[in-house]
């Protein structure tokens, strides 16, 4: 991992020795560079508030085209919701070690699948 970061020769040997001699530094390096995890846990209250605000904002977005009387409301709702999923995922990358675009696409994909399932379930009850 350190060689991939550009270290070579004696500098690489010294860095490996220094890191492997410090168990905490070694574990943090393995968590971040090998597994892509953040070695420092996020603050629970801050995470909870961010989730709450994001949930409220994302929950209002699909309703806005209908509330504002925009046409075609359904298509605008789909596009706006997809954009919000991507933005939330991209913002989430601040706390994860994923690239912003990868995190955005991941959240978009998960949200799109969840929305499609919710739409299909709702369609089942349309005729009931």
N, C-alpha and C. Protein backbone atom coordinates (compact mmCIF):
# COMPACT_ATOMS: atom_id res chain seq x y z
N UNK A 1 0.82 -1.19 0.00
CA UNK A 1 0.00 0.00 0.00
C UNK A 1 0.87 1.26 0.00
N UNK A 2 1.92 1.23 0.79
CA UNK A 2 2.79 2.40 0.84
C UNK A 2 3.60 2.55 -0.45
N UNK A 3 3.95 1.43 -1.05
CA UNK A 3 4.65 1.49 -2.34
C UNK A 3 3.75 2.12 -3.40
N UNK A 4 2.46 1.77 -3.34
CA UNK A 4 1.50 2.34 -4.29
C UNK A 4 1.34 3.84 -4.09
N UNK A 5 1.65 4.32 -2.89
CA UNK A 5 1.57 5.76 -2.60
C UNK A 5 2.85 6.49 -3.00
N UNK A 6 3.84 5.74 -3.54
CA UNK A 6 5.04 6.38 -4.05
C UNK A 6 6.28 6.20 -3.20
N UNK A 7 6.19 5.45 -2.13
CA UNK A 7 7.38 5.22 -1.30
C UNK A 7 8.22 4.11 -1.91
N UNK A 8 9.54 4.23 -1.75
CA UNK A 8 10.47 3.28 -2.35
C UNK A 8 11.69 3.10 -1.47
N UNK A 9 12.37 1.98 -1.63
CA UNK A 9 13.67 1.74 -1.02
C UNK A 9 13.69 1.91 0.49
N UNK A 10 14.70 2.64 0.97
CA UNK A 10 14.91 2.81 2.41
C UNK A 10 13.74 3.57 3.06
N UNK A 11 13.18 4.53 2.35
CA UNK A 11 12.05 5.29 2.90
C UNK A 11 10.86 4.37 3.11
N UNK A 12 10.62 3.47 2.16
CA UNK A 12 9.54 2.50 2.29
C UNK A 12 9.79 1.59 3.48
N UNK A 13 11.01 1.09 3.61
CA UNK A 13 11.34 0.20 4.73
C UNK A 13 11.15 0.90 6.07
N UNK A 14 11.57 2.16 6.15
CA UNK A 14 11.41 2.93 7.39
C UNK A 14 9.94 3.17 7.71
N UNK A 15 9.16 3.50 6.68
CA UNK A 15 7.73 3.76 6.89
C UNK A 15 7.02 2.49 7.36
N UNK A 16 7.33 1.36 6.72
CA UNK A 16 6.72 0.09 7.12
C UNK A 16 7.10 -0.24 8.56
N UNK A 17 8.36 -0.05 8.91
CA UNK A 17 8.80 -0.30 10.28
C UNK A 17 8.10 0.59 11.28
N UNK A 18 7.97 1.87 10.96
CA UNK A 18 7.33 2.82 11.87
C UNK A 18 5.85 2.49 12.04
N UNK A 19 5.17 2.20 10.95
CA UNK A 19 3.74 1.92 11.03
C UNK A 19 3.47 0.59 11.70
N UNK A 20 4.22 -0.45 11.33
CA UNK A 20 3.98 -1.76 11.94
C UNK A 20 4.40 -1.79 13.40
N UNK A 21 5.23 -0.87 13.83
CA UNK A 21 5.62 -0.76 15.23
C UNK A 21 4.58 -0.05 16.08
N UNK A 22 3.63 0.60 15.45
CA UNK A 22 2.57 1.32 16.15
C UNK A 22 1.24 0.66 15.77
N UNK A 23 0.71 -0.17 16.68
CA UNK A 23 -0.48 -0.97 16.36
C UNK A 23 -1.67 -0.11 15.92
N UNK A 24 -1.86 1.03 16.57
CA UNK A 24 -2.99 1.91 16.22
C UNK A 24 -2.83 2.45 14.79
N UNK A 25 -1.62 2.92 14.47
CA UNK A 25 -1.38 3.45 13.11
C UNK A 25 -1.53 2.34 12.08
N UNK A 26 -1.10 1.15 12.41
CA UNK A 26 -1.19 0.02 11.48
C UNK A 26 -2.65 -0.33 11.20
N UNK A 27 -3.45 -0.42 12.26
CA UNK A 27 -4.87 -0.75 12.09
C UNK A 27 -5.57 0.34 11.28
N UNK A 28 -5.28 1.61 11.57
CA UNK A 28 -5.91 2.70 10.82
C UNK A 28 -5.53 2.67 9.34
N UNK A 29 -4.28 2.36 9.06
CA UNK A 29 -3.84 2.26 7.66
C UNK A 29 -4.56 1.11 6.96
N UNK A 30 -4.69 -0.01 7.63
CA UNK A 30 -5.37 -1.16 7.03
C UNK A 30 -6.85 -0.86 6.80
N UNK A 31 -7.49 -0.24 7.80
CA UNK A 31 -8.91 0.08 7.65
C UNK A 31 -9.15 1.04 6.48
N UNK A 32 -8.34 2.08 6.40
CA UNK A 32 -8.58 3.09 5.38
C UNK A 32 -8.10 2.66 4.00
N UNK A 33 -6.88 2.14 3.90
CA UNK A 33 -6.31 1.87 2.58
C UNK A 33 -6.68 0.50 2.02
N UNK A 34 -6.81 -0.50 2.88
CA UNK A 34 -7.12 -1.83 2.36
C UNK A 34 -8.62 -2.08 2.27
N UNK A 35 -9.35 -1.64 3.30
CA UNK A 35 -10.78 -1.93 3.34
C UNK A 35 -11.66 -0.74 2.97
N UNK A 36 -11.08 0.44 2.81
CA UNK A 36 -11.85 1.62 2.43
C UNK A 36 -12.78 2.13 3.51
N UNK A 37 -12.49 1.82 4.77
CA UNK A 37 -13.34 2.25 5.87
C UNK A 37 -12.73 3.46 6.57
N UNK A 38 -13.58 4.25 7.17
CA UNK A 38 -13.11 5.38 7.95
C UNK A 38 -12.75 4.86 9.34
N UNK A 39 -11.49 5.00 9.77
CA UNK A 39 -11.10 4.45 11.07
C UNK A 39 -11.71 5.20 12.25
N UNK A 40 -12.24 6.37 12.02
CA UNK A 40 -12.86 7.16 13.09
C UNK A 40 -14.38 7.11 12.92
N UNK A 41 -15.09 6.62 13.94
CA UNK A 41 -16.56 6.55 13.81
C UNK A 41 -17.16 7.95 13.80
N UNK A 42 -18.26 8.14 13.06
CA UNK A 42 -18.91 9.45 13.02
C UNK A 42 -19.61 9.74 14.36
N UNK A 43 -19.85 11.01 14.62
CA UNK A 43 -20.58 11.41 15.82
C UNK A 43 -22.04 11.00 15.68
N UNK A 44 -22.59 10.25 16.62
CA UNK A 44 -23.96 9.73 16.48
C UNK A 44 -25.03 10.81 16.34
N UNK A 45 -24.97 11.87 17.13
CA UNK A 45 -26.00 12.92 17.06
C UNK A 45 -25.94 13.62 15.71
N UNK A 46 -24.74 13.93 15.27
CA UNK A 46 -24.58 14.60 13.98
C UNK A 46 -25.09 13.71 12.84
N UNK A 47 -24.79 12.44 12.90
CA UNK A 47 -25.27 11.51 11.88
C UNK A 47 -26.78 11.40 11.90
N UNK A 48 -27.36 11.35 13.09
CA UNK A 48 -28.81 11.25 13.21
C UNK A 48 -29.50 12.49 12.64
N UNK A 49 -28.98 13.67 12.97
CA UNK A 49 -29.56 14.91 12.45
C UNK A 49 -29.42 15.01 10.94
N UNK A 50 -28.27 14.63 10.41
CA UNK A 50 -28.08 14.66 8.96
C UNK A 50 -29.04 13.70 8.27
N UNK A 51 -29.23 12.53 8.85
CA UNK A 51 -30.17 11.56 8.27
C UNK A 51 -31.59 12.09 8.31
N UNK A 52 -31.98 12.71 9.42
CA UNK A 52 -33.32 13.27 9.56
C UNK A 52 -33.59 14.35 8.52
N UNK A 53 -32.65 15.29 8.39
CA UNK A 53 -32.82 16.39 7.43
C UNK A 53 -32.85 15.84 6.00
N UNK A 54 -31.96 14.92 5.70
CA UNK A 54 -31.93 14.34 4.35
C UNK A 54 -33.23 13.59 4.07
N UNK A 55 -33.75 12.87 5.05
CA UNK A 55 -35.00 12.14 4.87
C UNK A 55 -36.16 13.10 4.62
N UNK A 56 -36.23 14.18 5.38
CA UNK A 56 -37.28 15.17 5.16
C UNK A 56 -37.19 15.80 3.77
N UNK A 57 -35.98 16.21 3.41
CA UNK A 57 -35.79 16.86 2.11
C UNK A 57 -36.11 15.90 0.98
N UNK A 58 -35.60 14.68 1.09
CA UNK A 58 -35.85 13.70 0.02
C UNK A 58 -37.32 13.31 -0.04
N UNK A 59 -37.99 13.31 1.10
CA UNK A 59 -39.41 12.96 1.13
C UNK A 59 -40.31 14.03 0.53
N UNK A 60 -39.87 15.27 0.57
CA UNK A 60 -40.68 16.36 0.02
C UNK A 60 -40.51 16.51 -1.49
N UNK A 61 -39.35 16.14 -1.99
CA UNK A 61 -39.04 16.35 -3.41
C UNK A 61 -40.06 15.72 -4.36
N UNK A 62 -40.46 14.46 -4.17
CA UNK A 62 -41.44 13.89 -5.12
C UNK A 62 -42.79 14.59 -5.11
N UNK A 63 -43.10 15.28 -4.03
CA UNK A 63 -44.40 15.94 -3.92
C UNK A 63 -44.43 17.34 -4.54
N UNK A 64 -43.27 17.96 -4.66
CA UNK A 64 -43.22 19.34 -5.13
C UNK A 64 -43.85 19.58 -6.50
N UNK A 65 -43.57 18.77 -7.52
CA UNK A 65 -44.22 19.05 -8.81
C UNK A 65 -45.75 19.03 -8.73
N UNK A 66 -46.30 18.16 -7.88
CA UNK A 66 -47.76 18.11 -7.72
C UNK A 66 -48.25 19.33 -6.95
N UNK A 67 -47.53 19.70 -5.89
CA UNK A 67 -47.94 20.83 -5.06
C UNK A 67 -47.85 22.15 -5.83
N UNK A 68 -46.89 22.23 -6.75
CA UNK A 68 -46.72 23.45 -7.53
C UNK A 68 -47.52 23.44 -8.83
N UNK A 69 -48.21 22.35 -9.10
CA UNK A 69 -49.03 22.26 -10.31
C UNK A 69 -48.23 22.19 -11.60
N UNK A 70 -47.02 21.66 -11.53
CA UNK A 70 -46.17 21.55 -12.72
C UNK A 70 -46.55 20.33 -13.55
N UNK A 71 -46.39 20.43 -14.84
CA UNK A 71 -46.69 19.32 -15.75
C UNK A 71 -45.46 18.98 -16.58
N UNK A 72 -45.19 17.78 -16.90
CA UNK A 72 -45.81 16.55 -16.40
C UNK A 72 -45.27 16.22 -15.00
N UNK A 73 -46.15 16.26 -14.03
CA UNK A 73 -45.75 16.15 -12.62
C UNK A 73 -45.06 14.83 -12.32
N UNK A 74 -45.56 13.73 -12.88
CA UNK A 74 -44.97 12.42 -12.57
C UNK A 74 -43.52 12.35 -13.07
N UNK A 75 -43.29 12.76 -14.29
CA UNK A 75 -41.92 12.72 -14.85
C UNK A 75 -40.98 13.68 -14.11
N UNK A 76 -41.47 14.86 -13.79
CA UNK A 76 -40.66 15.81 -13.03
C UNK A 76 -40.33 15.26 -11.64
N UNK A 77 -41.29 14.59 -11.05
CA UNK A 77 -41.09 13.99 -9.74
C UNK A 77 -40.01 12.92 -9.80
N UNK A 78 -40.05 12.08 -10.82
CA UNK A 78 -39.03 11.03 -10.99
C UNK A 78 -37.64 11.64 -11.18
N UNK A 79 -37.55 12.63 -12.05
CA UNK A 79 -36.24 13.25 -12.33
C UNK A 79 -35.69 13.96 -11.10
N UNK A 80 -36.53 14.71 -10.41
CA UNK A 80 -36.08 15.44 -9.23
C UNK A 80 -35.66 14.48 -8.11
N UNK A 81 -36.43 13.42 -7.94
CA UNK A 81 -36.10 12.44 -6.91
C UNK A 81 -34.78 11.75 -7.22
N UNK A 82 -34.57 11.38 -8.47
CA UNK A 82 -33.30 10.77 -8.86
C UNK A 82 -32.12 11.69 -8.62
N UNK A 83 -32.30 12.96 -8.93
CA UNK A 83 -31.23 13.93 -8.70
C UNK A 83 -30.93 14.08 -7.21
N UNK A 84 -31.97 14.08 -6.39
CA UNK A 84 -31.77 14.20 -4.94
C UNK A 84 -31.06 12.96 -4.40
N UNK A 85 -31.43 11.79 -4.87
CA UNK A 85 -30.73 10.58 -4.43
C UNK A 85 -29.24 10.69 -4.75
N UNK A 86 -28.93 11.15 -5.95
CA UNK A 86 -27.52 11.27 -6.34
C UNK A 86 -26.80 12.29 -5.45
N UNK A 87 -27.42 13.44 -5.22
CA UNK A 87 -26.79 14.48 -4.41
C UNK A 87 -26.57 13.99 -2.97
N UNK A 88 -27.56 13.32 -2.39
CA UNK A 88 -27.40 12.79 -1.04
C UNK A 88 -26.24 11.80 -0.99
N UNK A 89 -26.15 10.94 -1.99
CA UNK A 89 -25.04 9.99 -2.04
C UNK A 89 -23.70 10.68 -2.19
N UNK A 90 -23.65 11.71 -3.03
CA UNK A 90 -22.40 12.45 -3.22
C UNK A 90 -22.00 13.15 -1.92
N UNK A 91 -22.96 13.71 -1.21
CA UNK A 91 -22.66 14.35 0.08
C UNK A 91 -22.21 13.32 1.12
N UNK A 92 -22.78 12.13 1.03
CA UNK A 92 -22.41 11.06 1.96
C UNK A 92 -20.93 10.70 1.84
N UNK A 93 -20.35 10.96 0.69
CA UNK A 93 -18.94 10.61 0.48
C UNK A 93 -18.01 11.42 1.39
N UNK A 94 -18.51 12.51 1.97
CA UNK A 94 -17.70 13.27 2.93
C UNK A 94 -17.37 12.43 4.17
N UNK A 95 -18.24 11.49 4.51
CA UNK A 95 -18.05 10.67 5.70
C UNK A 95 -17.55 9.28 5.37
N UNK A 96 -17.58 8.91 4.12
CA UNK A 96 -17.05 7.61 3.71
C UNK A 96 -15.79 7.86 2.89
N UNK A 97 -15.15 6.81 2.50
CA UNK A 97 -13.93 6.96 1.72
C UNK A 97 -14.17 6.71 0.24
N UNK A 98 -15.43 6.61 -0.16
CA UNK A 98 -15.76 6.42 -1.56
C UNK A 98 -15.66 7.73 -2.32
N UNK A 99 -15.41 7.62 -3.61
CA UNK A 99 -15.42 8.81 -4.46
C UNK A 99 -16.85 9.36 -4.49
N UNK A 100 -16.97 10.69 -4.62
CA UNK A 100 -18.30 11.33 -4.58
C UNK A 100 -19.23 10.79 -5.65
N UNK A 101 -18.72 10.56 -6.85
CA UNK A 101 -19.57 10.10 -7.94
C UNK A 101 -20.00 8.65 -7.72
N UNK A 102 -19.11 7.83 -7.14
CA UNK A 102 -19.46 6.43 -6.88
C UNK A 102 -20.52 6.35 -5.78
N UNK A 103 -20.34 7.13 -4.74
CA UNK A 103 -21.31 7.16 -3.66
C UNK A 103 -22.65 7.70 -4.17
N UNK A 104 -22.60 8.72 -5.03
CA UNK A 104 -23.83 9.26 -5.61
C UNK A 104 -24.57 8.24 -6.46
N UNK A 105 -23.83 7.52 -7.31
CA UNK A 105 -24.45 6.50 -8.15
C UNK A 105 -25.01 5.35 -7.33
N UNK A 106 -24.29 4.98 -6.28
CA UNK A 106 -24.77 3.89 -5.42
C UNK A 106 -26.08 4.26 -4.75
N UNK A 107 -26.14 5.45 -4.18
CA UNK A 107 -27.37 5.89 -3.52
C UNK A 107 -28.50 6.06 -4.55
N UNK A 108 -28.17 6.57 -5.72
CA UNK A 108 -29.17 6.70 -6.79
C UNK A 108 -29.74 5.32 -7.16
N UNK A 109 -28.87 4.34 -7.33
CA UNK A 109 -29.32 2.99 -7.72
C UNK A 109 -30.20 2.36 -6.65
N UNK A 110 -29.78 2.47 -5.40
CA UNK A 110 -30.57 1.91 -4.30
C UNK A 110 -31.92 2.61 -4.21
N UNK A 111 -31.92 3.93 -4.31
CA UNK A 111 -33.16 4.69 -4.26
C UNK A 111 -34.08 4.38 -5.43
N UNK A 112 -33.49 4.21 -6.62
CA UNK A 112 -34.31 3.90 -7.80
C UNK A 112 -34.98 2.54 -7.67
N UNK A 113 -34.24 1.56 -7.17
CA UNK A 113 -34.82 0.22 -6.97
C UNK A 113 -35.92 0.27 -5.92
N UNK A 114 -35.66 0.97 -4.80
CA UNK A 114 -36.67 1.09 -3.75
C UNK A 114 -37.92 1.81 -4.26
N UNK A 115 -37.72 2.87 -5.04
CA UNK A 115 -38.87 3.61 -5.58
C UNK A 115 -39.66 2.75 -6.57
N UNK A 116 -38.96 1.98 -7.38
CA UNK A 116 -39.64 1.11 -8.35
C UNK A 116 -40.47 0.04 -7.62
N UNK A 117 -39.91 -0.52 -6.56
CA UNK A 117 -40.65 -1.52 -5.79
C UNK A 117 -41.87 -0.89 -5.15
N UNK A 118 -41.70 0.30 -4.55
CA UNK A 118 -42.83 1.00 -3.93
C UNK A 118 -43.91 1.31 -4.96
N UNK A 119 -43.51 1.71 -6.16
CA UNK A 119 -44.47 2.01 -7.21
C UNK A 119 -45.25 0.75 -7.61
N UNK A 120 -44.52 -0.36 -7.75
CA UNK A 120 -45.18 -1.62 -8.14
C UNK A 120 -46.15 -2.09 -7.05
N UNK A 121 -45.76 -1.97 -5.80
CA UNK A 121 -46.66 -2.37 -4.71
C UNK A 121 -47.88 -1.45 -4.69
N UNK A 122 -47.65 -0.16 -4.87
CA UNK A 122 -48.78 0.77 -4.94
C UNK A 122 -49.72 0.46 -6.09
N UNK A 123 -49.17 0.01 -7.22
CA UNK A 123 -50.00 -0.35 -8.37
C UNK A 123 -50.89 -1.55 -8.08
N UNK A 124 -50.41 -2.44 -7.22
CA UNK A 124 -51.21 -3.60 -6.86
C UNK A 124 -52.47 -3.20 -6.10
N UNK A 125 -52.39 -2.11 -5.34
CA UNK A 125 -53.53 -1.67 -4.55
C UNK A 125 -54.41 -0.66 -5.28
N UNK A 126 -54.02 -0.27 -6.48
CA UNK A 126 -54.80 0.70 -7.24
C UNK A 126 -56.19 0.17 -7.55
N UNK A 127 -56.27 -1.09 -7.91
CA UNK A 127 -57.55 -1.69 -8.28
C UNK A 127 -58.33 -2.20 -7.10
N UNK A 128 -57.73 -2.21 -5.91
CA UNK A 128 -58.41 -2.80 -4.74
C UNK A 128 -59.42 -1.86 -4.14
